[in-house]
All heavy atoms as atom14 arrays in JSON, in Angstrom:
{
  "sequence": "WVFALLFPSVLLLSTLAILQVEKTYEQLTTSEGTSLHLLVSQL",
  "atom14_mask": [
    [1, 1, 1, 1, 1, 1, 1, 1, 1, 1, 1, 1, 1, 1],
    [1, 1, 1, 1, 1, 1, 1, 0, 0, 0, 0, 0, 0, 0],
    [1, 1, 1, 1, 1, 1, 1, 1, 1, 1, 1, 0, 0, 0],
    [1, 1, 1, 1, 1, 0, 0, 0, 0, 0, 0, 0, 0, 0],
    [1, 1, 1, 1, 1, 1, 1, 1, 0, 0, 0, 0, 0, 0],
    [1, 1, 1, 1, 1, 1, 1, 1, 0, 0, 0, 0, 0, 0],
    [1, 1, 1, 1, 1, 1, 1, 1, 1, 1, 1, 0, 0, 0],
    [1, 1, 1, 1, 1, 1, 1, 0, 0, 0, 0, 0, 0, 0],
    [1, 1, 1, 1, 1, 1, 0, 0, 0, 0, 0, 0, 0, 0],
    [1, 1, 1, 1, 1, 1, 1, 0, 0, 0, 0, 0, 0, 0],
    [1, 1, 1, 1, 1, 1, 1, 1, 0, 0, 0, 0, 0, 0],
    [1, 1, 1, 1, 1, 1, 1, 1, 0, 0, 0, 0, 0, 0],
    [1, 1, 1, 1, 1, 1, 1, 1, 0, 0, 0, 0, 0, 0],
    [1, 1, 1, 1, 1, 1, 0, 0, 0, 0, 0, 0, 0, 0],
    [1, 1, 1, 1, 1, 1, 1, 0, 0, 0, 0, 0, 0, 0],
    [1, 1, 1, 1, 1, 1, 1, 1, 0, 0, 0, 0, 0, 0],
    [1, 1, 1, 1, 1, 0, 0, 0, 0, 0, 0, 0, 0, 0],
    [1, 1, 1, 1, 1, 1, 1, 1, 0, 0, 0, 0, 0, 0],
    [1, 1, 1, 1, 1, 1, 1, 1, 0, 0, 0, 0, 0, 0],
    [1, 1, 1, 1, 1, 1, 1, 1, 1, 0, 0, 0, 0, 0],
    [1, 1, 1, 1, 1, 1, 1, 0, 0, 0, 0, 0, 0, 0],
    [1, 1, 1, 1, 1, 1, 1, 1, 1, 0, 0, 0, 0, 0],
    [1, 1, 1, 1, 1, 1, 1, 1, 1, 0, 0, 0, 0, 0],
    [1, 1, 1, 1, 1, 1, 1, 0, 0, 0, 0, 0, 0, 0],
    [1, 1, 1, 1, 1, 1, 1, 1, 1, 1, 1, 1, 0, 0],
    [1, 1, 1, 1, 1, 1, 1, 1, 1, 0, 0, 0, 0, 0],
    [1, 1, 1, 1, 1, 1, 1, 1, 1, 0, 0, 0, 0, 0],
    [1, 1, 1, 1, 1, 1, 1, 1, 0, 0, 0, 0, 0, 0],
    [1, 1, 1, 1, 1, 1, 1, 0, 0, 0, 0, 0, 0, 0],
    [1, 1, 1, 1, 1, 1, 1, 0, 0, 0, 0, 0, 0, 0],
    [1, 1, 1, 1, 1, 1, 0, 0, 0, 0, 0, 0, 0, 0],
    [1, 1, 1, 1, 1, 1, 1, 1, 1, 0, 0, 0, 0, 0],
    [1, 1, 1, 1, 0, 0, 0, 0, 0, 0, 0, 0, 0, 0],
    [1, 1, 1, 1, 1, 1, 1, 0, 0, 0, 0, 0, 0, 0],
    [1, 1, 1, 1, 1, 1, 0, 0, 0, 0, 0, 0, 0, 0],
    [1, 1, 1, 1, 1, 1, 1, 1, 0, 0, 0, 0, 0, 0],
    [1, 1, 1, 1, 1, 1, 1, 1, 1, 1, 0, 0, 0, 0],
    [1, 1, 1, 1, 1, 1, 1, 1, 0, 0, 0, 0, 0, 0],
    [1, 1, 1, 1, 1, 1, 1, 1, 0, 0, 0, 0, 0, 0],
    [1, 1, 1, 1, 1, 1, 1, 0, 0, 0, 0, 0, 0, 0],
    [1, 1, 1, 1, 1, 1, 0, 0, 0, 0, 0, 0, 0, 0],
    [1, 1, 1, 1, 1, 1, 1, 1, 1, 0, 0, 0, 0, 0],
    [1, 1, 1, 1, 1, 1, 1, 1, 0, 0, 0, 0, 0, 0]
  ],
  "atom14_positions": [
    [[54.25, 28.13, 109.71], [55.37, 27.88, 108.69], [54.81, 27.46, 107.39], [55.4, 27.9, 106.3], [56.29, 26.85, 109.32], [57.22, 27.5, 110.32], [57.24, 27.32, 111.64], [58.38, 28.3, 110.0], [58.28, 28.0, 112.26], [58.94, 28.69, 111.3], [58.85, 28.84, 108.88], [60.05, 29.46, 111.35], [60.01, 29.7, 109.01], [60.56, 29.97, 110.23]],
    [[53.8, 26.59, 107.36], [53.32, 26.18, 106.1], [52.69, 27.34, 105.28], [53.01, 27.56, 104.17], [52.21, 25.12, 106.28], [51.48, 24.84, 104.95], [52.95, 23.85, 106.79], [0.0, 0.0, 0.0], [0.0, 0.0, 0.0], [0.0, 0.0, 0.0], [0.0, 0.0, 0.0], [0.0, 0.0, 0.0], [0.0, 0.0, 0.0], [0.0, 0.0, 0.0]],
    [[51.94, 28.12, 106.01], [51.27, 29.31, 105.27], [52.32, 30.33, 104.85], [52.17, 31.04, 103.91], [50.15, 29.93, 106.05], [49.01, 29.01, 106.26], [48.23, 29.02, 107.44], [48.56, 28.19, 105.26], [47.07, 28.29, 107.59], [47.48, 27.39, 105.33], [46.74, 27.4, 106.55], [0.0, 0.0, 0.0], [0.0, 0.0, 0.0], [0.0, 0.0, 0.0]],
    [[53.35, 30.48, 105.75], [54.38, 31.4, 105.45], [55.13, 31.05, 104.17], [55.73, 31.92, 103.51], [55.35, 31.52, 106.66], [0.0, 0.0, 0.0], [0.0, 0.0, 0.0], [0.0, 0.0, 0.0], [0.0, 0.0, 0.0], [0.0, 0.0, 0.0], [0.0, 0.0, 0.0], [0.0, 0.0, 0.0], [0.0, 0.0, 0.0], [0.0, 0.0, 0.0]],
    [[55.16, 29.77, 103.86], [55.84, 29.26, 102.66], [54.87, 29.29, 101.52], [55.29, 29.68, 100.32], [56.37, 27.89, 102.89], [57.58, 27.74, 103.85], [57.94, 26.3, 104.01], [58.73, 28.6, 103.34], [0.0, 0.0, 0.0], [0.0, 0.0, 0.0], [0.0, 0.0, 0.0], [0.0, 0.0, 0.0], [0.0, 0.0, 0.0], [0.0, 0.0, 0.0]],
    [[53.61, 28.94, 101.69], [52.68, 28.79, 100.63], [52.22, 30.19, 100.03], [52.21, 30.35, 98.8], [51.44, 27.93, 100.99], [51.73, 26.44, 101.17], [50.38, 25.77, 101.62], [52.15, 25.88, 99.93], [0.0, 0.0, 0.0], [0.0, 0.0, 0.0], [0.0, 0.0, 0.0], [0.0, 0.0, 0.0], [0.0, 0.0, 0.0], [0.0, 0.0, 0.0]],
    [[51.81, 31.04, 100.94], [51.19, 32.28, 100.46], [52.22, 33.16, 99.65], [51.86, 33.72, 98.61], [50.69, 33.1, 101.66], [49.21, 32.66, 102.06], [49.04, 31.99, 103.21], [48.27, 32.94, 101.25], [47.83, 31.59, 103.58], [46.92, 32.52, 101.57], [46.7, 31.85, 102.76], [0.0, 0.0, 0.0], [0.0, 0.0, 0.0], [0.0, 0.0, 0.0]],
    [[53.5, 33.31, 100.1], [54.39, 34.06, 99.17], [54.58, 33.37, 97.82], [54.66, 34.07, 96.85], [55.66, 34.06, 100.03], [55.26, 33.83, 101.41], [54.1, 33.03, 101.37], [0.0, 0.0, 0.0], [0.0, 0.0, 0.0], [0.0, 0.0, 0.0], [0.0, 0.0, 0.0], [0.0, 0.0, 0.0], [0.0, 0.0, 0.0], [0.0, 0.0, 0.0]],
    [[54.56, 32.08, 97.8], [54.67, 31.35, 96.55], [53.54, 31.6, 95.65], [53.63, 31.88, 94.44], [54.84, 29.88, 96.77], [56.01, 29.59, 97.63], [0.0, 0.0, 0.0], [0.0, 0.0, 0.0], [0.0, 0.0, 0.0], [0.0, 0.0, 0.0], [0.0, 0.0, 0.0], [0.0, 0.0, 0.0], [0.0, 0.0, 0.0], [0.0, 0.0, 0.0]],
    [[52.27, 31.57, 96.26], [51.13, 31.8, 95.43], [50.99, 33.28, 95.03], [50.73, 33.53, 93.9], [49.82, 31.41, 96.36], [48.59, 31.89, 95.57], [49.82, 29.93, 96.61], [0.0, 0.0, 0.0], [0.0, 0.0, 0.0], [0.0, 0.0, 0.0], [0.0, 0.0, 0.0], [0.0, 0.0, 0.0], [0.0, 0.0, 0.0], [0.0, 0.0, 0.0]],
    [[51.47, 34.15, 95.9], [51.47, 35.57, 95.56], [52.47, 35.83, 94.41], [52.13, 36.63, 93.54], [51.86, 36.34, 96.8], [51.8, 37.91, 96.62], [50.47, 38.37, 96.26], [52.26, 38.59, 97.93], [0.0, 0.0, 0.0], [0.0, 0.0, 0.0], [0.0, 0.0, 0.0], [0.0, 0.0, 0.0], [0.0, 0.0, 0.0], [0.0, 0.0, 0.0]],
    [[53.59, 35.25, 94.48], [54.63, 35.42, 93.41], [54.11, 34.85, 92.15], [54.24, 35.59, 91.06], [55.95, 34.75, 93.86], [57.04, 34.8, 92.86], [57.46, 36.2, 92.58], [58.23, 33.95, 93.33], [0.0, 0.0, 0.0], [0.0, 0.0, 0.0], [0.0, 0.0, 0.0], [0.0, 0.0, 0.0], [0.0, 0.0, 0.0], [0.0, 0.0, 0.0]],
    [[53.59, 33.66, 92.11], [53.03, 33.16, 90.85], [51.87, 33.94, 90.32], [51.83, 34.2, 89.09], [52.45, 31.69, 91.16], [53.6, 30.57, 91.45], [52.92, 29.31, 91.81], [54.52, 30.47, 90.26], [0.0, 0.0, 0.0], [0.0, 0.0, 0.0], [0.0, 0.0, 0.0], [0.0, 0.0, 0.0], [0.0, 0.0, 0.0], [0.0, 0.0, 0.0]],
    [[51.01, 34.46, 91.16], [49.85, 35.21, 90.75], [50.39, 36.6, 90.16], [49.88, 37.06, 89.11], [48.86, 35.52, 91.88], [48.46, 34.32, 92.47], [0.0, 0.0, 0.0], [0.0, 0.0, 0.0], [0.0, 0.0, 0.0], [0.0, 0.0, 0.0], [0.0, 0.0, 0.0], [0.0, 0.0, 0.0], [0.0, 0.0, 0.0], [0.0, 0.0, 0.0]],
    [[51.37, 37.11, 90.83], [51.86, 38.43, 90.29], [52.55, 38.19, 88.98], [52.4, 39.02, 88.02], [52.96, 38.99, 91.32], [52.3, 39.16, 92.6], [53.44, 40.3, 90.83], [0.0, 0.0, 0.0], [0.0, 0.0, 0.0], [0.0, 0.0, 0.0], [0.0, 0.0, 0.0], [0.0, 0.0, 0.0], [0.0, 0.0, 0.0], [0.0, 0.0, 0.0]],
    [[53.36, 37.18, 88.79], [53.97, 36.86, 87.51], [52.92, 36.65, 86.43], [53.13, 37.15, 85.33], [54.92, 35.69, 87.67], [56.13, 35.88, 88.48], [56.96, 34.59, 88.58], [57.04, 36.9, 87.94], [0.0, 0.0, 0.0], [0.0, 0.0, 0.0], [0.0, 0.0, 0.0], [0.0, 0.0, 0.0], [0.0, 0.0, 0.0], [0.0, 0.0, 0.0]],
    [[51.89, 35.93, 86.8], [50.84, 35.63, 85.79], [50.14, 37.0, 85.37], [49.92, 37.2, 84.14], [49.82, 34.67, 86.36], [0.0, 0.0, 0.0], [0.0, 0.0, 0.0], [0.0, 0.0, 0.0], [0.0, 0.0, 0.0], [0.0, 0.0, 0.0], [0.0, 0.0, 0.0], [0.0, 0.0, 0.0], [0.0, 0.0, 0.0], [0.0, 0.0, 0.0]],
    [[49.85, 37.79, 86.35], [49.18, 39.05, 86.08], [50.05, 40.0, 85.16], [49.63, 40.6, 84.19], [48.71, 39.8, 87.34], [47.64, 38.99, 88.06], [48.23, 41.19, 86.97], [47.32, 39.49, 89.37], [0.0, 0.0, 0.0], [0.0, 0.0, 0.0], [0.0, 0.0, 0.0], [0.0, 0.0, 0.0], [0.0, 0.0, 0.0], [0.0, 0.0, 0.0]],
    [[51.29, 40.02, 85.6], [52.22, 40.87, 84.77], [52.41, 40.37, 83.39], [52.47, 41.16, 82.41], [53.64, 40.92, 85.46], [53.64, 41.73, 86.81], [55.06, 41.62, 87.43], [53.24, 43.19, 86.63], [0.0, 0.0, 0.0], [0.0, 0.0, 0.0], [0.0, 0.0, 0.0], [0.0, 0.0, 0.0], [0.0, 0.0, 0.0], [0.0, 0.0, 0.0]],
    [[52.45, 38.99, 83.3], [52.6, 38.49, 81.95], [51.37, 38.68, 81.09], [51.45, 38.89, 79.86], [52.96, 36.96, 82.02], [53.23, 36.34, 80.66], [54.47, 36.87, 80.07], [55.4, 37.29, 80.73], [54.42, 36.95, 78.71], [0.0, 0.0, 0.0], [0.0, 0.0, 0.0], [0.0, 0.0, 0.0], [0.0, 0.0, 0.0], [0.0, 0.0, 0.0]],
    [[50.19, 38.53, 81.69], [48.92, 38.79, 81.02], [48.87, 40.22, 80.55], [48.47, 40.48, 79.38], [47.7, 38.42, 81.89], [46.45, 38.86, 81.3], [47.66, 36.9, 82.06], [0.0, 0.0, 0.0], [0.0, 0.0, 0.0], [0.0, 0.0, 0.0], [0.0, 0.0, 0.0], [0.0, 0.0, 0.0], [0.0, 0.0, 0.0], [0.0, 0.0, 0.0]],
    [[49.15, 41.14, 81.43], [49.22, 42.56, 81.08], [50.17, 42.85, 79.89], [49.84, 43.61, 78.94], [49.52, 43.39, 82.28], [48.45, 43.42, 83.38], [48.81, 44.29, 84.48], [49.96, 44.77, 84.56], [47.95, 44.56, 85.4], [0.0, 0.0, 0.0], [0.0, 0.0, 0.0], [0.0, 0.0, 0.0], [0.0, 0.0, 0.0], [0.0, 0.0, 0.0]],
    [[51.37, 42.19, 79.96], [52.31, 42.39, 78.95], [51.81, 41.82, 77.61], [51.96, 42.47, 76.52], [53.61, 41.72, 79.32], [54.78, 41.97, 78.31], [56.03, 41.33, 78.8], [57.16, 41.51, 77.77], [58.45, 40.92, 78.24], [0.0, 0.0, 0.0], [0.0, 0.0, 0.0], [0.0, 0.0, 0.0], [0.0, 0.0, 0.0], [0.0, 0.0, 0.0]],
    [[51.23, 40.59, 77.65], [50.69, 39.99, 76.43], [49.53, 40.81, 75.93], [49.42, 41.06, 74.73], [50.2, 38.6, 76.83], [51.22, 37.84, 77.43], [49.72, 37.89, 75.53], [0.0, 0.0, 0.0], [0.0, 0.0, 0.0], [0.0, 0.0, 0.0], [0.0, 0.0, 0.0], [0.0, 0.0, 0.0], [0.0, 0.0, 0.0], [0.0, 0.0, 0.0]],
    [[48.7, 41.33, 76.75], [47.6, 42.2, 76.36], [48.16, 43.44, 75.66], [47.66, 43.89, 74.61], [46.73, 42.6, 77.55], [45.58, 43.46, 77.31], [44.39, 43.01, 76.75], [45.69, 44.89, 77.47], [43.28, 43.86, 76.48], [44.64, 45.69, 77.18], [43.47, 45.21, 76.71], [42.4, 46.08, 76.38], [0.0, 0.0, 0.0], [0.0, 0.0, 0.0]],
    [[49.15, 44.04, 76.26], [49.74, 45.21, 75.66], [50.4, 44.93, 74.3], [50.23, 45.73, 73.33], [50.85, 45.77, 76.6], [51.47, 47.03, 76.09], [52.49, 47.59, 77.14], [52.57, 47.09, 78.21], [53.19, 48.62, 76.82], [0.0, 0.0, 0.0], [0.0, 0.0, 0.0], [0.0, 0.0, 0.0], [0.0, 0.0, 0.0], [0.0, 0.0, 0.0]],
    [[51.02, 43.8, 74.22], [51.67, 43.37, 72.97], [50.59, 43.13, 71.86], [50.81, 43.46, 70.72], [52.42, 42.1, 73.16], [53.74, 42.32, 73.98], [54.52, 41.06, 74.21], [53.98, 39.98, 73.97], [55.75, 41.11, 74.75], [0.0, 0.0, 0.0], [0.0, 0.0, 0.0], [0.0, 0.0, 0.0], [0.0, 0.0, 0.0], [0.0, 0.0, 0.0]],
    [[49.48, 42.47, 72.36], [48.41, 42.27, 71.3], [47.81, 43.55, 70.86], [47.58, 43.77, 69.67], [47.35, 41.41, 72.02], [46.14, 41.12, 71.2], [46.43, 40.31, 69.92], [45.04, 40.34, 72.01], [0.0, 0.0, 0.0], [0.0, 0.0, 0.0], [0.0, 0.0, 0.0], [0.0, 0.0, 0.0], [0.0, 0.0, 0.0], [0.0, 0.0, 0.0]],
    [[47.61, 44.5, 71.79], [47.04, 45.81, 71.46], [48.03, 46.58, 70.53], [47.63, 47.18, 69.51], [46.76, 46.61, 72.69], [45.91, 45.9, 73.51], [46.13, 47.94, 72.35], [0.0, 0.0, 0.0], [0.0, 0.0, 0.0], [0.0, 0.0, 0.0], [0.0, 0.0, 0.0], [0.0, 0.0, 0.0], [0.0, 0.0, 0.0], [0.0, 0.0, 0.0]],
    [[49.33, 46.49, 70.87], [50.29, 47.14, 70.03], [50.39, 46.6, 68.68], [50.43, 47.3, 67.67], [51.65, 47.03, 70.76], [51.6, 47.66, 72.04], [52.71, 47.79, 69.91], [0.0, 0.0, 0.0], [0.0, 0.0, 0.0], [0.0, 0.0, 0.0], [0.0, 0.0, 0.0], [0.0, 0.0, 0.0], [0.0, 0.0, 0.0], [0.0, 0.0, 0.0]],
    [[50.33, 45.23, 68.59], [50.38, 44.55, 67.31], [49.25, 44.96, 66.43], [49.39, 45.35, 65.21], [50.41, 43.1, 67.49], [50.4, 42.3, 66.25], [0.0, 0.0, 0.0], [0.0, 0.0, 0.0], [0.0, 0.0, 0.0], [0.0, 0.0, 0.0], [0.0, 0.0, 0.0], [0.0, 0.0, 0.0], [0.0, 0.0, 0.0], [0.0, 0.0, 0.0]],
    [[47.97, 44.82, 66.98], [46.77, 45.19, 66.16], [46.72, 46.68, 65.88], [46.31, 47.08, 64.85], [45.54, 44.71, 66.9], [45.46, 43.22, 67.14], [45.39, 42.42, 65.83], [45.01, 43.0, 64.83], [45.74, 41.27, 65.86], [0.0, 0.0, 0.0], [0.0, 0.0, 0.0], [0.0, 0.0, 0.0], [0.0, 0.0, 0.0], [0.0, 0.0, 0.0]],
    [[47.14, 47.46, 66.91], [47.25, 48.9, 66.66], [48.2, 49.3, 65.59], [47.93, 50.18, 64.79], [0.0, 0.0, 0.0], [0.0, 0.0, 0.0], [0.0, 0.0, 0.0], [0.0, 0.0, 0.0], [0.0, 0.0, 0.0], [0.0, 0.0, 0.0], [0.0, 0.0, 0.0], [0.0, 0.0, 0.0], [0.0, 0.0, 0.0], [0.0, 0.0, 0.0]],
    [[49.31, 48.53, 65.47], [50.23, 48.79, 64.36], [49.64, 48.46, 63.0], [49.8, 49.24, 62.03], [51.45, 47.89, 64.49], [52.11, 48.21, 65.83], [52.5, 48.22, 63.4], [0.0, 0.0, 0.0], [0.0, 0.0, 0.0], [0.0, 0.0, 0.0], [0.0, 0.0, 0.0], [0.0, 0.0, 0.0], [0.0, 0.0, 0.0], [0.0, 0.0, 0.0]],
    [[48.88, 47.4, 62.94], [48.18, 47.01, 61.64], [47.23, 48.09, 61.25], [47.07, 48.56, 60.09], [47.41, 45.69, 61.83], [48.3, 44.63, 62.15], [0.0, 0.0, 0.0], [0.0, 0.0, 0.0], [0.0, 0.0, 0.0], [0.0, 0.0, 0.0], [0.0, 0.0, 0.0], [0.0, 0.0, 0.0], [0.0, 0.0, 0.0], [0.0, 0.0, 0.0]],
    [[46.44, 48.62, 62.26], [45.52, 49.7, 62.02], [46.22, 51.0, 61.6], [45.76, 51.69, 60.65], [44.59, 50.01, 63.25], [43.59, 51.08, 63.12], [42.61, 50.89, 62.04], [42.89, 51.34, 64.39], [0.0, 0.0, 0.0], [0.0, 0.0, 0.0], [0.0, 0.0, 0.0], [0.0, 0.0, 0.0], [0.0, 0.0, 0.0], [0.0, 0.0, 0.0]],
    [[47.31, 51.2, 62.25], [48.1, 52.4, 61.89], [48.68, 52.37, 60.45], [48.67, 53.37, 59.76], [49.19, 52.66, 62.88], [50.0, 53.86, 62.67], [49.5, 55.13, 63.0], [51.27, 54.06, 62.2], [50.4, 56.08, 62.68], [51.47, 55.43, 62.2], [0.0, 0.0, 0.0], [0.0, 0.0, 0.0], [0.0, 0.0, 0.0], [0.0, 0.0, 0.0]],
    [[49.1, 51.23, 60.05], [49.51, 51.04, 58.67], [48.43, 51.29, 57.69], [48.64, 51.96, 56.64], [50.13, 49.64, 58.47], [51.39, 49.34, 59.26], [51.84, 47.87, 59.07], [52.52, 50.26, 58.83], [0.0, 0.0, 0.0], [0.0, 0.0, 0.0], [0.0, 0.0, 0.0], [0.0, 0.0, 0.0], [0.0, 0.0, 0.0], [0.0, 0.0, 0.0]],
    [[47.27, 50.87, 57.97], [46.09, 51.08, 57.08], [45.78, 52.58, 56.97], [45.52, 53.17, 55.92], [44.84, 50.32, 57.56], [44.92, 48.81, 57.45], [43.61, 48.14, 58.0], [45.12, 48.4, 56.03], [0.0, 0.0, 0.0], [0.0, 0.0, 0.0], [0.0, 0.0, 0.0], [0.0, 0.0, 0.0], [0.0, 0.0, 0.0], [0.0, 0.0, 0.0]],
    [[45.78, 53.2, 58.19], [45.47, 54.69, 58.21], [46.56, 55.44, 57.48], [46.27, 56.37, 56.76], [45.35, 55.14, 59.69], [45.13, 56.6, 59.77], [44.12, 54.45, 60.35], [0.0, 0.0, 0.0], [0.0, 0.0, 0.0], [0.0, 0.0, 0.0], [0.0, 0.0, 0.0], [0.0, 0.0, 0.0], [0.0, 0.0, 0.0], [0.0, 0.0, 0.0]],
    [[47.87, 55.05, 57.7], [48.83, 55.75, 56.97], [48.71, 55.57, 55.48], [48.95, 56.55, 54.7], [50.17, 55.2, 57.44], [50.4, 55.35, 58.79], [0.0, 0.0, 0.0], [0.0, 0.0, 0.0], [0.0, 0.0, 0.0], [0.0, 0.0, 0.0], [0.0, 0.0, 0.0], [0.0, 0.0, 0.0], [0.0, 0.0, 0.0], [0.0, 0.0, 0.0]],
    [[48.31, 54.38, 55.01], [48.11, 54.14, 53.64], [46.95, 55.07, 53.07], [47.1, 55.67, 52.07], [47.73, 52.73, 53.41], [47.38, 52.39, 51.96], [46.91, 50.91, 51.79], [47.07, 50.09, 52.67], [46.27, 50.64, 50.7], [0.0, 0.0, 0.0], [0.0, 0.0, 0.0], [0.0, 0.0, 0.0], [0.0, 0.0, 0.0], [0.0, 0.0, 0.0]],
    [[45.89, 55.13, 53.84], [44.79, 56.04, 53.4], [45.15, 57.44, 53.53], [44.72, 58.21, 52.61], [43.52, 55.73, 54.33], [42.97, 54.4, 54.24], [41.72, 54.27, 55.19], [42.46, 54.17, 52.74], [0.0, 0.0, 0.0], [0.0, 0.0, 0.0], [0.0, 0.0, 0.0], [0.0, 0.0, 0.0], [0.0, 0.0, 0.0], [0.0, 0.0, 0.0]]
  ]
}
């Protein structure tokens, strides 16, 4: 019963963290990519 409660909780927290990290990474890439795209458009 203890492991049945702990492991889903840990799995849920880990999944949320991974998804948030991937989302943040994507947002960072998109943000910097937008800056680069603006420079390229200017050139």
